[in-house]
Amino acid sequence: MARESSLNEYKDLLSGLCRRLEVKCARGDQRRLERLDEMSDDELMRKWLWVSSIVGALIFYLGLPFLLSLLAQFIPSLLMQLLWSVLKLGMGMVIVIFALAVYFTIKRSD
């Protein structure tokens, strides 16, 4: 029971952060604010999981490898190994976020 309640607390924290970010991005646009009020926390989390997985994939799978390959000529190899390891961790996080987005989307349709 304690684990489920702590997971719900994290979910509430993340959905609150996403909601505040959406309100900030709306900049007083009443139509966007009304849509945001109608949107449940689950829908908001699902939306941000999809957005972050798509943007993260573009950054971590296309942009940063290209940038690191260009910088490899100028950066020492030990530092490059560290940077590639950090990049691979970011790639793994993108996969986890994508898996969560798929899971919550499938869970919604059940």
PDB file of N, CA and C in Angstrom:
ATOM      1  N   MET A   1       0.811  -1.199   0.000  1.00  0.00           N
ATOM      2  CA  MET A   1       0.000   0.000   0.000  1.00  0.00           C
ATOM      3  C   MET A   1       0.852   1.260   0.000  1.00  0.00           C
ATOM      4  N   ALA A   2       1.928   1.263   0.781  1.00  0.00           N
ATOM      5  CA  ALA A   2       2.755   2.461   0.872  1.00  0.00           C
ATOM      6  C   ALA A   2       3.404   2.782  -0.465  1.00  0.00           C
ATOM      7  N   ARG A   3       3.782   1.734  -1.202  1.00  0.00           N
ATOM      8  CA  ARG A   3       4.426   1.982  -2.489  1.00  0.00           C
ATOM      9  C   ARG A   3       3.450   2.602  -3.470  1.00  0.00           C
ATOM     10  N   GLU A   4       2.218   2.119  -3.493  1.00  0.00           N
ATOM     11  CA  GLU A   4       1.229   2.666  -4.418  1.00  0.00           C
ATOM     12  C   GLU A   4       0.942   4.125  -4.094  1.00  0.00           C
ATOM     13  N   SER A   5       0.861   4.468  -2.811  1.00  0.00           N
ATOM     14  CA  SER A   5       0.578   5.856  -2.462  1.00  0.00           C
ATOM     15  C   SER A   5       1.752   6.763  -2.826  1.00  0.00           C
ATOM     16  N   SER A   6       2.998   6.267  -2.673  1.00  0.00           N
ATOM     17  CA  SER A   6       4.135   7.103  -3.045  1.00  0.00           C
ATOM     18  C   SER A   6       4.202   7.287  -4.559  1.00  0.00           C
ATOM     19  N   LEU A   7       3.827   6.248  -5.340  1.00  0.00           N
ATOM     20  CA  LEU A   7       3.768   6.401  -6.790  1.00  0.00           C
ATOM     21  C   LEU A   7       2.706   7.414  -7.189  1.00  0.00           C
ATOM     22  N   ASN A   8       1.587   7.412  -6.493  1.00  0.00           N
ATOM     23  CA  ASN A   8       0.547   8.412  -6.762  1.00  0.00           C
ATOM     24  C   ASN A   8       1.030   9.817  -6.408  1.00  0.00           C
ATOM     25  N   GLU A   9       1.834   9.932  -5.349  1.00  0.00           N
ATOM     26  CA  GLU A   9       2.383  11.230  -4.991  1.00  0.00           C
ATOM     27  C   GLU A   9       3.318  11.747  -6.087  1.00  0.00           C
ATOM     28  N   TYR A  10       4.155  10.860  -6.632  1.00  0.00           N
ATOM     29  CA  TYR A  10       5.037  11.261  -7.730  1.00  0.00           C
ATOM     30  C   TYR A  10       4.232  11.645  -8.969  1.00  0.00           C
ATOM     31  N   LYS A  11       3.189  10.882  -9.239  1.00  0.00           N
ATOM     32  CA  LYS A  11       2.340  11.188 -10.388  1.00  0.00           C
ATOM     33  C   LYS A  11       1.674  12.551 -10.208  1.00  0.00           C
ATOM     34  N   ASP A  12       1.183  12.824  -8.995  1.00  0.00           N
ATOM     35  CA  ASP A  12       0.571  14.124  -8.718  1.00  0.00           C
ATOM     36  C   ASP A  12       1.585  15.250  -8.843  1.00  0.00           C
ATOM     37  N   LEU A  13       2.804  15.006  -8.371  1.00  0.00           N
ATOM     38  CA  LEU A  13       3.860  16.017  -8.481  1.00  0.00           C
ATOM     39  C   LEU A  13       4.176  16.318  -9.941  1.00  0.00           C
ATOM     40  N   LEU A  14       4.354  15.259 -10.751  1.00  0.00           N
ATOM     41  CA  LEU A  14       4.667  15.467 -12.170  1.00  0.00           C
ATOM     42  C   LEU A  14       3.511  16.111 -12.927  1.00  0.00           C
ATOM     43  N   SER A  15       2.293  15.688 -12.637  1.00  0.00           N
ATOM     44  CA  SER A  15       1.160  16.298 -13.337  1.00  0.00           C
ATOM     45  C   SER A  15       0.997  17.758 -12.922  1.00  0.00           C
ATOM     46  N   GLY A  16       1.301  18.084 -11.667  1.00  0.00           N
ATOM     47  CA  GLY A  16       1.261  19.478 -11.235  1.00  0.00           C
ATOM     48  C   GLY A  16       2.308  20.317 -11.947  1.00  0.00           C
ATOM     49  N   LEU A  17       3.509  19.748 -12.103  1.00  0.00           N
ATOM     50  CA  LEU A  17       4.553  20.466 -12.836  1.00  0.00           C
ATOM     51  C   LEU A  17       4.161  20.682 -14.293  1.00  0.00           C
ATOM     52  N   CYS A  18       3.597  19.658 -14.912  1.00  0.00           N
ATOM     53  CA  CYS A  18       3.159  19.785 -16.313  1.00  0.00           C
ATOM     54  C   CYS A  18       2.043  20.801 -16.445  1.00  0.00           C
ATOM     55  N   ARG A  19       1.115  20.801 -15.486  1.00  0.00           N
ATOM     56  CA  ARG A  19       0.000  21.741 -15.541  1.00  0.00           C
ATOM     57  C   ARG A  19       0.500  23.179 -15.384  1.00  0.00           C
ATOM     58  N   ARG A  20       1.450  23.404 -14.465  1.00  0.00           N
ATOM     59  CA  ARG A  20       2.000  24.751 -14.301  1.00  0.00           C
ATOM     60  C   ARG A  20       2.734  25.202 -15.560  1.00  0.00           C
ATOM     61  N   LEU A  21       3.444  24.279 -16.196  1.00  0.00           N
ATOM     62  CA  LEU A  21       4.138  24.611 -17.433  1.00  0.00           C
ATOM     63  C   LEU A  21       3.142  24.959 -18.543  1.00  0.00           C
ATOM     64  N   GLU A  22       2.047  24.213 -18.621  1.00  0.00           N
ATOM     65  CA  GLU A  22       1.020  24.505 -19.626  1.00  0.00           C
ATOM     66  C   GLU A  22       0.381  25.870 -19.378  1.00  0.00           C
ATOM     67  N   VAL A  23       0.104  26.191 -18.111  1.00  0.00           N
ATOM     68  CA  VAL A  23      -0.486  27.498 -17.785  1.00  0.00           C
ATOM     69  C   VAL A  23       0.484  28.611 -18.161  1.00  0.00           C
ATOM     70  N   LYS A  24       1.772  28.385 -17.876  1.00  0.00           N
ATOM     71  CA  LYS A  24       2.779  29.387 -18.224  1.00  0.00           C
ATOM     72  C   LYS A  24       2.876  29.570 -19.735  1.00  0.00           C
ATOM     73  N   CYS A  25       2.801  28.469 -20.480  1.00  0.00           N
ATOM     74  CA  CYS A  25       2.886  28.557 -21.940  1.00  0.00           C
ATOM     75  C   CYS A  25       1.626  29.144 -22.562  1.00  0.00           C
ATOM     76  N   ALA A  26       0.493  29.039 -21.878  1.00  0.00           N
ATOM     77  CA  ALA A  26      -0.762  29.573 -22.423  1.00  0.00           C
ATOM     78  C   ALA A  26      -0.746  31.099 -22.457  1.00  0.00           C
ATOM     79  N   ARG A  27      -0.046  31.722 -21.540  1.00  0.00           N
ATOM     80  CA  ARG A  27       0.103  33.183 -21.493  1.00  0.00           C
ATOM     81  C   ARG A  27      -1.234  33.921 -21.561  1.00  0.00           C
ATOM     82  N   GLY A  28      -2.197  33.448 -20.793  1.00  0.00           N
ATOM     83  CA  GLY A  28      -3.477  34.134 -20.719  1.00  0.00           C
ATOM     84  C   GLY A  28      -4.441  33.811 -21.835  1.00  0.00           C
ATOM     85  N   ASP A  29      -4.127  32.904 -22.729  1.00  0.00           N
ATOM     86  CA  ASP A  29      -5.038  32.515 -23.798  1.00  0.00           C
ATOM     87  C   ASP A  29      -6.189  31.721 -23.182  1.00  0.00           C
ATOM     88  N   GLN A  30      -7.375  32.296 -23.195  1.00  0.00           N
ATOM     89  CA  GLN A  30      -8.514  31.695 -22.506  1.00  0.00           C
ATOM     90  C   GLN A  30      -8.910  30.332 -23.087  1.00  0.00           C
ATOM     91  N   ARG A  31      -8.818  30.191 -24.402  1.00  0.00           N
ATOM     92  CA  ARG A  31      -9.195  28.917 -25.024  1.00  0.00           C
ATOM     93  C   ARG A  31      -8.272  27.787 -24.560  1.00  0.00           C
ATOM     94  N   ARG A  32      -6.962  28.075 -24.534  1.00  0.00           N
ATOM     95  CA  ARG A  32      -6.005  27.060 -24.073  1.00  0.00           C
ATOM     96  C   ARG A  32      -6.193  26.762 -22.592  1.00  0.00           C
ATOM     97  N   LEU A  33      -6.486  27.788 -21.800  1.00  0.00           N
ATOM     98  CA  LEU A  33      -6.707  27.573 -20.376  1.00  0.00           C
ATOM     99  C   LEU A  33      -7.968  26.764 -20.111  1.00  0.00           C
ATOM    100  N   GLU A  34      -9.015  26.995 -20.901  1.00  0.00           N
ATOM    101  CA  GLU A  34     -10.241  26.206 -20.751  1.00  0.00           C
ATOM    102  C   GLU A  34      -9.997  24.744 -21.119  1.00  0.00           C
ATOM    103  N   ARG A  35      -9.265  24.508 -22.211  1.00  0.00           N
ATOM    104  CA  ARG A  35      -8.927  23.129 -22.581  1.00  0.00           C
ATOM    105  C   ARG A  35      -8.086  22.467 -21.508  1.00  0.00           C
ATOM    106  N   LEU A  36      -7.194  23.227 -20.902  1.00  0.00           N
ATOM    107  CA  LEU A  36      -6.345  22.690 -19.838  1.00  0.00           C
ATOM    108  C   LEU A  36      -7.166  22.336 -18.604  1.00  0.00           C
ATOM    109  N   ASP A  37      -8.188  23.154 -18.286  1.00  0.00           N
ATOM    110  CA  ASP A  37      -9.053  22.844 -17.149  1.00  0.00           C
ATOM    111  C   ASP A  37      -9.873  21.580 -17.392  1.00  0.00           C
ATOM    112  N   GLU A  38     -10.258  21.353 -18.647  1.00  0.00           N
ATOM    113  CA  GLU A  38     -11.039  20.160 -18.978  1.00  0.00           C
ATOM    114  C   GLU A  38     -10.193  18.894 -19.033  1.00  0.00           C
ATOM    115  N   MET A  39      -8.882  19.060 -19.215  1.00  0.00           N
ATOM    116  CA  MET A  39      -7.980  17.917 -19.366  1.00  0.00           C
ATOM    117  C   MET A  39      -7.671  17.302 -18.001  1.00  0.00           C
ATOM    118  N   SER A  40      -7.777  15.971 -17.925  1.00  0.00           N
ATOM    119  CA  SER A  40      -7.449  15.291 -16.678  1.00  0.00           C
ATOM    120  C   SER A  40      -5.932  15.173 -16.519  1.00  0.00           C
ATOM    121  N   ASP A  41      -5.509  14.822 -15.322  1.00  0.00           N
ATOM    122  CA  ASP A  41      -4.080  14.674 -15.065  1.00  0.00           C
ATOM    123  C   ASP A  41      -3.479  13.553 -15.911  1.00  0.00           C
ATOM    124  N   ASP A  42      -4.230  12.476 -16.111  1.00  0.00           N
ATOM    125  CA  ASP A  42      -3.732  11.364 -16.920  1.00  0.00           C
ATOM    126  C   ASP A  42      -3.514  11.780 -18.371  1.00  0.00           C
ATOM    127  N   GLU A  43      -4.451  12.535 -18.919  1.00  0.00           N
ATOM    128  CA  GLU A  43      -4.305  13.009 -20.297  1.00  0.00           C
ATOM    129  C   GLU A  43      -3.115  13.952 -20.427  1.00  0.00           C
ATOM    130  N   LEU A  44      -2.938  14.812 -19.444  1.00  0.00           N
ATOM    131  CA  LEU A  44      -1.826  15.753 -19.466  1.00  0.00           C
ATOM    132  C   LEU A  44      -0.489  15.025 -19.386  1.00  0.00           C
ATOM    133  N   MET A  45      -0.400  14.028 -18.518  1.00  0.00           N
ATOM    134  CA  MET A  45       0.834  13.243 -18.409  1.00  0.00           C
ATOM    135  C   MET A  45       1.115  12.496 -19.709  1.00  0.00           C
ATOM    136  N   ARG A  46       0.082  11.918 -20.295  1.00  0.00           N
ATOM    137  CA  ARG A  46       0.242  11.186 -21.555  1.00  0.00           C
ATOM    138  C   ARG A  46       0.739  12.122 -22.651  1.00  0.00           C
ATOM    139  N   LYS A  47       0.174  13.312 -22.709  1.00  0.00           N
ATOM    140  CA  LYS A  47       0.587  14.290 -23.718  1.00  0.00           C
ATOM    141  C   LYS A  47       2.060  14.635 -23.557  1.00  0.00           C
ATOM    142  N   TRP A  48       2.494  14.922 -22.331  1.00  0.00           N
ATOM    143  CA  TRP A  48       3.880  15.318 -22.108  1.00  0.00           C
ATOM    144  C   TRP A  48       4.848  14.167 -22.267  1.00  0.00           C
ATOM    145  N   LEU A  49       4.409  12.943 -21.972  1.00  0.00           N
ATOM    146  CA  LEU A  49       5.276  11.789 -22.219  1.00  0.00           C
ATOM    147  C   LEU A  49       5.533  11.635 -23.715  1.00  0.00           C
ATOM    148  N   TRP A  50       4.485  11.789 -24.527  1.00  0.00           N
ATOM    149  CA  TRP A  50       4.670  11.674 -25.977  1.00  0.00           C
ATOM    150  C   TRP A  50       5.550  12.794 -26.514  1.00  0.00           C
ATOM    151  N   VAL A  51       5.300  14.022 -26.058  1.00  0.00           N
ATOM    152  CA  VAL A  51       6.094  15.160 -26.535  1.00  0.00           C
ATOM    153  C   VAL A  51       7.556  14.984 -26.157  1.00  0.00           C
ATOM    154  N   SER A  52       7.803  14.614 -24.906  1.00  0.00           N
ATOM    155  CA  SER A  52       9.198  14.478 -24.468  1.00  0.00           C
ATOM    156  C   SER A  52       9.892  13.299 -25.131  1.00  0.00           C
ATOM    157  N   SER A  53       9.153  12.227 -25.443  1.00  0.00           N
ATOM    158  CA  SER A  53       9.805  11.103 -26.122  1.00  0.00           C
ATOM    159  C   SER A  53      10.146  11.452 -27.569  1.00  0.00           C
ATOM    160  N   ILE A  54       9.302  12.196 -28.239  1.00  0.00           N
ATOM    161  CA  ILE A  54       9.574  12.566 -29.629  1.00  0.00           C
ATOM    162  C   ILE A  54      10.710  13.588 -29.702  1.00  0.00           C
ATOM    163  N   VAL A  55      10.630  14.625 -28.873  1.00  0.00           N
ATOM    164  CA  VAL A  55      11.687  15.636 -28.875  1.00  0.00           C
ATOM    165  C   VAL A  55      13.003  15.035 -28.383  1.00  0.00           C
ATOM    166  N   GLY A  56      12.923  14.209 -27.350  1.00  0.00           N
ATOM    167  CA  GLY A  56      14.129  13.564 -26.839  1.00  0.00           C
ATOM    168  C   GLY A  56      14.771  12.653 -27.861  1.00  0.00           C
ATOM    169  N   ALA A  57      13.954  11.949 -28.632  1.00  0.00           N
ATOM    170  CA  ALA A  57      14.509  11.077 -29.674  1.00  0.00           C
ATOM    171  C   ALA A  57      15.249  11.894 -30.725  1.00  0.00           C
ATOM    172  N   LEU A  58      14.673  13.013 -31.118  1.00  0.00           N
ATOM    173  CA  LEU A  58      15.349  13.860 -32.101  1.00  0.00           C
ATOM    174  C   LEU A  58      16.677  14.390 -31.568  1.00  0.00           C
ATOM    175  N   ILE A  59      16.680  14.783 -30.310  1.00  0.00           N
ATOM    176  CA  ILE A  59      17.898  15.341 -29.730  1.00  0.00           C
ATOM    177  C   ILE A  59      18.937  14.261 -29.488  1.00  0.00           C
ATOM    178  N   PHE A  60      18.540  13.171 -28.794  1.00  0.00           N
ATOM    179  CA  PHE A  60      19.505  12.177 -28.355  1.00  0.00           C
ATOM    180  C   PHE A  60      19.895  11.172 -29.433  1.00  0.00           C
ATOM    181  N   TYR A  61      19.066  10.989 -30.448  1.00  0.00           N
ATOM    182  CA  TYR A  61      19.399  10.011 -31.481  1.00  0.00           C
ATOM    183  C   TYR A  61      19.900  10.649 -32.781  1.00  0.00           C
ATOM    184  N   LEU A  62      19.603  11.925 -32.983  1.00  0.00           N
ATOM    185  CA  LEU A  62      20.069  12.581 -34.213  1.00  0.00           C
ATOM    186  C   LEU A  62      21.040  13.717 -33.936  1.00  0.00           C
ATOM    187  N   GLY A  63      20.637  14.655 -33.105  1.00  0.00           N
ATOM    188  CA  GLY A  63      21.421  15.871 -32.918  1.00  0.00           C
ATOM    189  C   GLY A  63      22.715  15.680 -32.166  1.00  0.00           C
ATOM    190  N   LEU A  64      22.636  15.118 -30.987  1.00  0.00           N
ATOM    191  CA  LEU A  64      23.839  14.984 -30.167  1.00  0.00           C
ATOM    192  C   LEU A  64      24.874  14.017 -30.733  1.00  0.00           C
ATOM    193  N   PRO A  65      24.497  12.866 -31.316  1.00  0.00           N
ATOM    194  CA  PRO A  65      25.545  12.035 -31.929  1.00  0.00           C
ATOM    195  C   PRO A  65      26.281  12.750 -33.062  1.00  0.00           C
ATOM    196  N   PHE A  66      25.535  13.507 -33.863  1.00  0.00           N
ATOM    197  CA  PHE A  66      26.173  14.266 -34.934  1.00  0.00           C
ATOM    198  C   PHE A  66      27.121  15.313 -34.359  1.00  0.00           C
ATOM    199  N   LEU A  67      26.681  16.024 -33.329  1.00  0.00           N
ATOM    200  CA  LEU A  67      27.516  17.036 -32.701  1.00  0.00           C
ATOM    201  C   LEU A  67      28.759  16.422 -32.068  1.00  0.00           C
ATOM    202  N   LEU A  68      28.599  15.295 -31.373  1.00  0.00           N
ATOM    203  CA  LEU A  68      29.752  14.648 -30.758  1.00  0.00           C
ATOM    204  C   LEU A  68      30.725  14.109 -31.796  1.00  0.00           C
ATOM    205  N   SER A  69      30.195  13.635 -32.899  1.00  0.00           N
ATOM    206  CA  SER A  69      31.108  13.143 -33.939  1.00  0.00           C
ATOM    207  C   SER A  69      31.914  14.296 -34.552  1.00  0.00           C
ATOM    208  N   LEU A  70      31.326  15.481 -34.624  1.00  0.00           N
ATOM    209  CA  LEU A  70      32.071  16.641 -35.112  1.00  0.00           C
ATOM    210  C   LEU A  70      33.099  17.118 -34.090  1.00  0.00           C
ATOM    211  N   LEU A  71      32.727  17.061 -32.818  1.00  0.00           N
ATOM    212  CA  LEU A  71      33.626  17.531 -31.774  1.00  0.00           C
ATOM    213  C   LEU A  71      34.722  16.525 -31.437  1.00  0.00           C
ATOM    214  N   ALA A  72      34.639  15.313 -31.947  1.00  0.00           N
ATOM    215  CA  ALA A  72      35.616  14.266 -31.621  1.00  0.00           C
ATOM    216  C   ALA A  72      37.021  14.640 -32.057  1.00  0.00           C
ATOM    217  N   GLN A  73      37.125  15.488 -33.041  1.00  0.00           N
ATOM    218  CA  GLN A  73      38.447  15.905 -33.521  1.00  0.00           C
ATOM    219  C   GLN A  73      39.156  16.813 -32.522  1.00  0.00           C
ATOM    220  N   PHE A  74      38.387  17.532 -31.699  1.00  0.00           N
ATOM    221  CA  PHE A  74      38.950  18.556 -30.841  1.00  0.00           C
ATOM    222  C   PHE A  74      38.991  18.183 -29.363  1.00  0.00           C
ATOM    223  N   ILE A  75      38.222  17.183 -28.963  1.00  0.00           N
ATOM    224  CA  ILE A  75      38.107  16.808 -27.556  1.00  0.00           C
ATOM    225  C   ILE A  75      38.935  15.556 -27.307  1.00  0.00           C
ATOM    226  N   PRO A  76      39.645  15.485 -26.174  1.00  0.00           N
ATOM    227  CA  PRO A  76      40.437  14.284 -25.862  1.00  0.00           C
ATOM    228  C   PRO A  76      39.563  13.035 -25.777  1.00  0.00           C
ATOM    229  N   SER A  77      40.159  11.891 -26.084  1.00  0.00           N
ATOM    230  CA  SER A  77      39.375  10.658 -26.195  1.00  0.00           C
ATOM    231  C   SER A  77      38.761  10.236 -24.863  1.00  0.00           C
ATOM    232  N   LEU A  78      39.422  10.491 -23.746  1.00  0.00           N
ATOM    233  CA  LEU A  78      38.857  10.120 -22.449  1.00  0.00           C
ATOM    234  C   LEU A  78      37.579  10.903 -22.179  1.00  0.00           C
ATOM    235  N   LEU A  79      37.586  12.167 -22.491  1.00  0.00           N
ATOM    236  CA  LEU A  79      36.384  12.986 -22.328  1.00  0.00           C
ATOM    237  C   LEU A  79      35.301  12.570 -23.317  1.00  0.00           C
ATOM    238  N   MET A  80      35.707  12.194 -24.528  1.00  0.00           N
ATOM    239  CA  MET A  80      34.724  11.731 -25.519  1.00  0.00           C
ATOM    240  C   MET A  80      34.036  10.454 -25.051  1.00  0.00           C
ATOM    241  N   GLN A  81      34.781   9.554 -24.433  1.00  0.00           N
ATOM    242  CA  GLN A  81      34.179   8.327 -23.917  1.00  0.00           C
ATOM    243  C   GLN A  81      33.143   8.653 -22.848  1.00  0.00           C
ATOM    244  N   LEU A  82      33.455   9.613 -22.004  1.00  0.00           N
ATOM    245  CA  LEU A  82      32.500  10.038 -20.977  1.00  0.00           C
ATOM    246  C   LEU A  82      31.260  10.654 -21.616  1.00  0.00           C
ATOM    247  N   LEU A  83      31.461  11.509 -22.595  1.00  0.00           N
ATOM    248  CA  LEU A  83      30.324  12.147 -23.268  1.00  0.00           C
ATOM    249  C   LEU A  83      29.456  11.134 -23.998  1.00  0.00           C
ATOM    250  N   TRP A  84      30.068  10.141 -24.645  1.00  0.00           N
ATOM    251  CA  TRP A  84      29.283   9.112 -25.316  1.00  0.00           C
ATOM    252  C   TRP A  84      28.503   8.271 -24.301  1.00  0.00           C
ATOM    253  N   SER A  85      29.095   8.022 -23.141  1.00  0.00           N
ATOM    254  CA  SER A  85      28.386   7.271 -22.101  1.00  0.00           C
ATOM    255  C   SER A  85      27.176   8.053 -21.588  1.00  0.00           C
ATOM    256  N   VAL A  86      27.349   9.350 -21.385  1.00  0.00           N
ATOM    257  CA  VAL A  86      26.232  10.192 -20.956  1.00  0.00           C
ATOM    258  C   VAL A  86      25.154  10.220 -22.037  1.00  0.00           C
ATOM    259  N   LEU A  87      25.568  10.282 -23.287  1.00  0.00           N
ATOM    260  CA  LEU A  87      24.612  10.264 -24.391  1.00  0.00           C
ATOM    261  C   LEU A  87      23.832   8.952 -24.421  1.00  0.00           C
ATOM    262  N   LYS A  88      24.515   7.850 -24.177  1.00  0.00           N
ATOM    263  CA  LYS A  88      23.832   6.549 -24.165  1.00  0.00           C
ATOM    264  C   LYS A  88      22.844   6.459 -23.009  1.00  0.00           C
ATOM    265  N   LEU A  89      23.165   7.056 -21.860  1.00  0.00           N
ATOM    266  CA  LEU A  89      22.207   7.105 -20.759  1.00  0.00           C
ATOM    267  C   LEU A  89      20.975   7.919 -21.153  1.00  0.00           C
ATOM    268  N   GLY A  90      21.187   9.019 -21.835  1.00  0.00           N
ATOM    269  CA  GLY A  90      20.060   9.819 -22.326  1.00  0.00           C
ATOM    270  C   GLY A  90      19.215   9.046 -23.318  1.00  0.00           C
ATOM    271  N   MET A  91      19.853   8.264 -24.178  1.00  0.00           N
ATOM    272  CA  MET A  91      19.109   7.423 -25.124  1.00  0.00           C
ATOM    273  C   MET A  91      18.257   6.405 -24.378  1.00  0.00           C
ATOM    274  N   GLY A  92      18.822   5.853 -23.327  1.00  0.00           N
ATOM    275  CA  GLY A  92      18.056   4.898 -22.519  1.00  0.00           C
ATOM    276  C   GLY A  92      16.860   5.549 -21.853  1.00  0.00           C
ATOM    277  N   MET A  93      17.037   6.777 -21.377  1.00  0.00           N
ATOM    278  CA  MET A  93      15.920   7.487 -20.758  1.00  0.00           C
ATOM    279  C   MET A  93      14.823   7.795 -21.771  1.00  0.00           C
ATOM    280  N   VAL A  94      15.206   8.095 -22.993  1.00  0.00           N
ATOM    281  CA  VAL A  94      14.208   8.335 -24.035  1.00  0.00           C
ATOM    282  C   VAL A  94      13.405   7.061 -24.295  1.00  0.00           C
ATOM    283  N   ILE A  95      14.078   5.924 -24.302  1.00  0.00           N
ATOM    284  CA  ILE A  95      13.374   4.653 -24.506  1.00  0.00           C
ATOM    285  C   ILE A  95      12.410   4.389 -23.353  1.00  0.00           C
ATOM    286  N   VAL A  96      12.836   4.681 -22.118  1.00  0.00           N
ATOM    287  CA  VAL A  96      11.960   4.481 -20.960  1.00  0.00           C
ATOM    288  C   VAL A  96      10.747   5.398 -21.047  1.00  0.00           C
ATOM    289  N   ILE A  97      10.959   6.651 -21.405  1.00  0.00           N
ATOM    290  CA  ILE A  97       9.849   7.596 -21.530  1.00  0.00           C
ATOM    291  C   ILE A  97       8.899   7.162 -22.640  1.00  0.00           C
ATOM    292  N   PHE A  98       9.454   6.679 -23.749  1.00  0.00           N
ATOM    293  CA  PHE A  98       8.609   6.190 -24.839  1.00  0.00           C
ATOM    294  C   PHE A  98       7.796   4.981 -24.390  1.00  0.00           C
ATOM    295  N   ALA A  99       8.421   4.067 -23.655  1.00  0.00           N
ATOM    296  CA  ALA A  99       7.708   2.889 -23.163  1.00  0.00           C
ATOM    297  C   ALA A  99       6.585   3.293 -22.209  1.00  0.00           C
ATOM    298  N   LEU A 100       6.839   4.286 -21.357  1.00  0.00           N
ATOM    299  CA  LEU A 100       5.786   4.773 -20.463  1.00  0.00           C
ATOM    300  C   LEU A 100       4.643   5.412 -21.244  1.00  0.00           C
ATOM    301  N   ALA A 101       4.969   6.166 -22.281  1.00  0.00           N
ATOM    302  CA  ALA A 101       3.924   6.783 -23.105  1.00  0.00           C
ATOM    303  C   ALA A 101       3.062   5.720 -23.771  1.00  0.00           C
ATOM    304  N   VAL A 102       3.689   4.688 -24.305  1.00  0.00           N
ATOM    305  CA  VAL A 102       2.933   3.604 -24.938  1.00  0.00           C
ATOM    306  C   VAL A 102       2.080   2.880 -23.900  1.00  0.00           C
ATOM    307  N   TYR A 103       2.662   2.607 -22.736  1.00  0.00           N
ATOM    308  CA  TYR A 103       1.934   1.893 -21.681  1.00  0.00           C
ATOM    309  C   TYR A 103       0.695   2.670 -21.237  1.00  0.00           C
ATOM    310  N   PHE A 104       0.867   3.969 -20.956  1.00  0.00           N
ATOM    311  CA  PHE A 104      -0.276   4.754 -20.490  1.00  0.00           C
ATOM    312  C   PHE A 104      -1.312   4.967 -21.594  1.00  0.00           C
ATOM    313  N   THR A 105      -0.892   4.973 -22.837  1.00  0.00           N
ATOM    314  CA  THR A 105      -1.845   5.080 -23.946  1.00  0.00           C
ATOM    315  C   THR A 105      -2.662   3.796 -24.080  1.00  0.00           C
ATOM    316  N   ILE A 106      -1.985   2.659 -24.001  1.00  0.00           N
ATOM    317  CA  ILE A 106      -2.695   1.366 -24.079  1.00  0.00           C
ATOM    318  C   ILE A 106      -3.579   1.173 -22.864  1.00  0.00           C
ATOM    319  N   LYS A 107      -3.101   1.560 -21.692  1.00  0.00           N
ATOM    320  CA  LYS A 107      -3.866   1.434 -20.465  1.00  0.00           C
ATOM    321  C   LYS A 107      -5.152   2.263 -20.526  1.00  0.00           C
ATOM    322  N   ARG A 108      -5.076   3.430 -21.179  1.00  0.00           N
ATOM    323  CA  ARG A 108      -6.249   4.285 -21.307  1.00  0.00           C
ATOM    324  C   ARG A 108      -7.326   3.632 -22.157  1.00  0.00           C
ATOM    325  N   SER A 109      -6.912   2.934 -23.204  1.00  0.00           N
ATOM    326  CA  SER A 109      -7.893   2.358 -24.117  1.00  0.00           C
ATOM    327  C   SER A 109      -8.568   1.110 -23.548  1.00  0.00           C
ATOM    328  N   ASP A 110      -8.022   0.570 -22.467  1.00  0.00           N
ATOM    329  CA  ASP A 110      -8.657  -0.620 -21.851  1.00  0.00           C
ATOM    330  C   ASP A 110      -9.864  -0.293 -21.060  1.00  0.00           C
TER     331      ASP A 110
END
